[in-house]
């Protein structure tokens, strides 16, 4: 399964938070695949904190600091 890592949308809930992958768009992702995507995003955006957001049901990021 290919997940586009270049797609980013601004969160409506929190300024500065980016939504990278909405999990409802990929219902068959395993925990291992989610962790792999998070690792790839950490490498791509080292200046951002990458995390799994339960409210957004998505992999998100925010600026470090």
Protein backbone atom coordinates (compact mmCIF):
# COMPACT_ATOMS: atom_id res chain seq x y z
CA UNK A 1 0.00 0.00 0.00
CA UNK A 2 1.37 3.38 -0.99
CA UNK A 3 0.63 6.32 1.29
CA UNK A 4 1.44 9.79 -0.05
CA UNK A 5 3.79 11.47 2.41
CA UNK A 6 3.79 14.82 0.59
CA UNK A 7 0.13 15.53 1.28
CA UNK A 8 -0.33 17.88 4.23
CA UNK A 9 -3.41 19.72 5.42
CA UNK A 10 -3.68 22.26 8.20
CA UNK A 11 -5.67 21.10 11.21
CA UNK A 12 -8.87 23.00 11.87
CA UNK A 13 -8.55 22.15 15.58
CA UNK A 14 -5.07 23.48 16.33
CA UNK A 15 -3.11 26.20 14.50
CA UNK A 16 0.29 24.98 13.35
CA UNK A 17 -0.70 21.31 13.46
CA UNK A 18 -0.47 19.45 10.17
CA UNK A 19 -2.49 16.35 9.29
CA UNK A 20 -0.35 13.98 7.23
CA UNK A 21 -2.42 10.79 7.02
CA UNK A 22 -6.07 10.35 7.98
CA UNK A 23 -6.37 6.79 9.23
CA UNK A 24 -9.97 6.43 8.03
CA UNK A 25 -8.59 6.73 4.48
CA UNK A 26 -6.45 3.61 5.14
CA UNK A 27 -8.56 1.32 7.37
CA UNK A 28 -6.38 -1.75 6.71
CA UNK A 29 -3.12 -0.24 8.02
CA UNK A 30 -1.45 -2.35 10.68
CA UNK A 31 0.26 -0.90 13.73
CA UNK A 32 3.61 -1.80 12.14
CA UNK A 33 2.72 0.12 8.96
CA UNK A 34 1.58 3.13 11.00
CA UNK A 35 4.89 3.10 12.89
CA UNK A 36 6.78 2.88 9.57
CA UNK A 37 4.91 5.92 8.22
CA UNK A 38 5.69 7.82 11.44
CA UNK A 39 9.40 6.93 11.05
CA UNK A 40 9.41 8.13 7.44
CA UNK A 41 7.72 11.39 8.41
CA UNK A 42 10.21 11.94 11.26
CA UNK A 43 13.05 11.64 8.76
CA UNK A 44 11.32 13.93 6.26
CA UNK A 45 10.36 16.61 8.83
CA UNK A 46 13.06 16.62 11.55
CA UNK A 47 11.93 20.03 12.78
CA UNK A 48 8.43 18.72 13.61
CA UNK A 49 7.09 16.40 16.31
CA UNK A 50 5.23 13.55 14.58
CA UNK A 51 2.48 11.83 16.57
CA UNK A 52 -0.68 9.77 16.36
CA UNK A 53 -3.62 12.04 17.18
CA UNK A 54 -6.73 10.27 18.47
CA UNK A 55 -9.00 13.31 18.12
CA UNK A 56 -8.06 13.79 14.46
CA UNK A 57 -7.82 10.01 13.90
CA UNK A 58 -4.65 10.79 11.98
CA UNK A 59 -0.88 10.95 11.96
CA UNK A 60 -0.11 14.61 12.65
CA UNK A 61 2.79 16.92 13.38
CA UNK A 62 3.49 20.21 15.10
CA UNK A 63 6.59 22.39 15.27
CA UNK A 64 9.14 21.31 17.90
CA UNK A 65 9.71 23.62 20.76
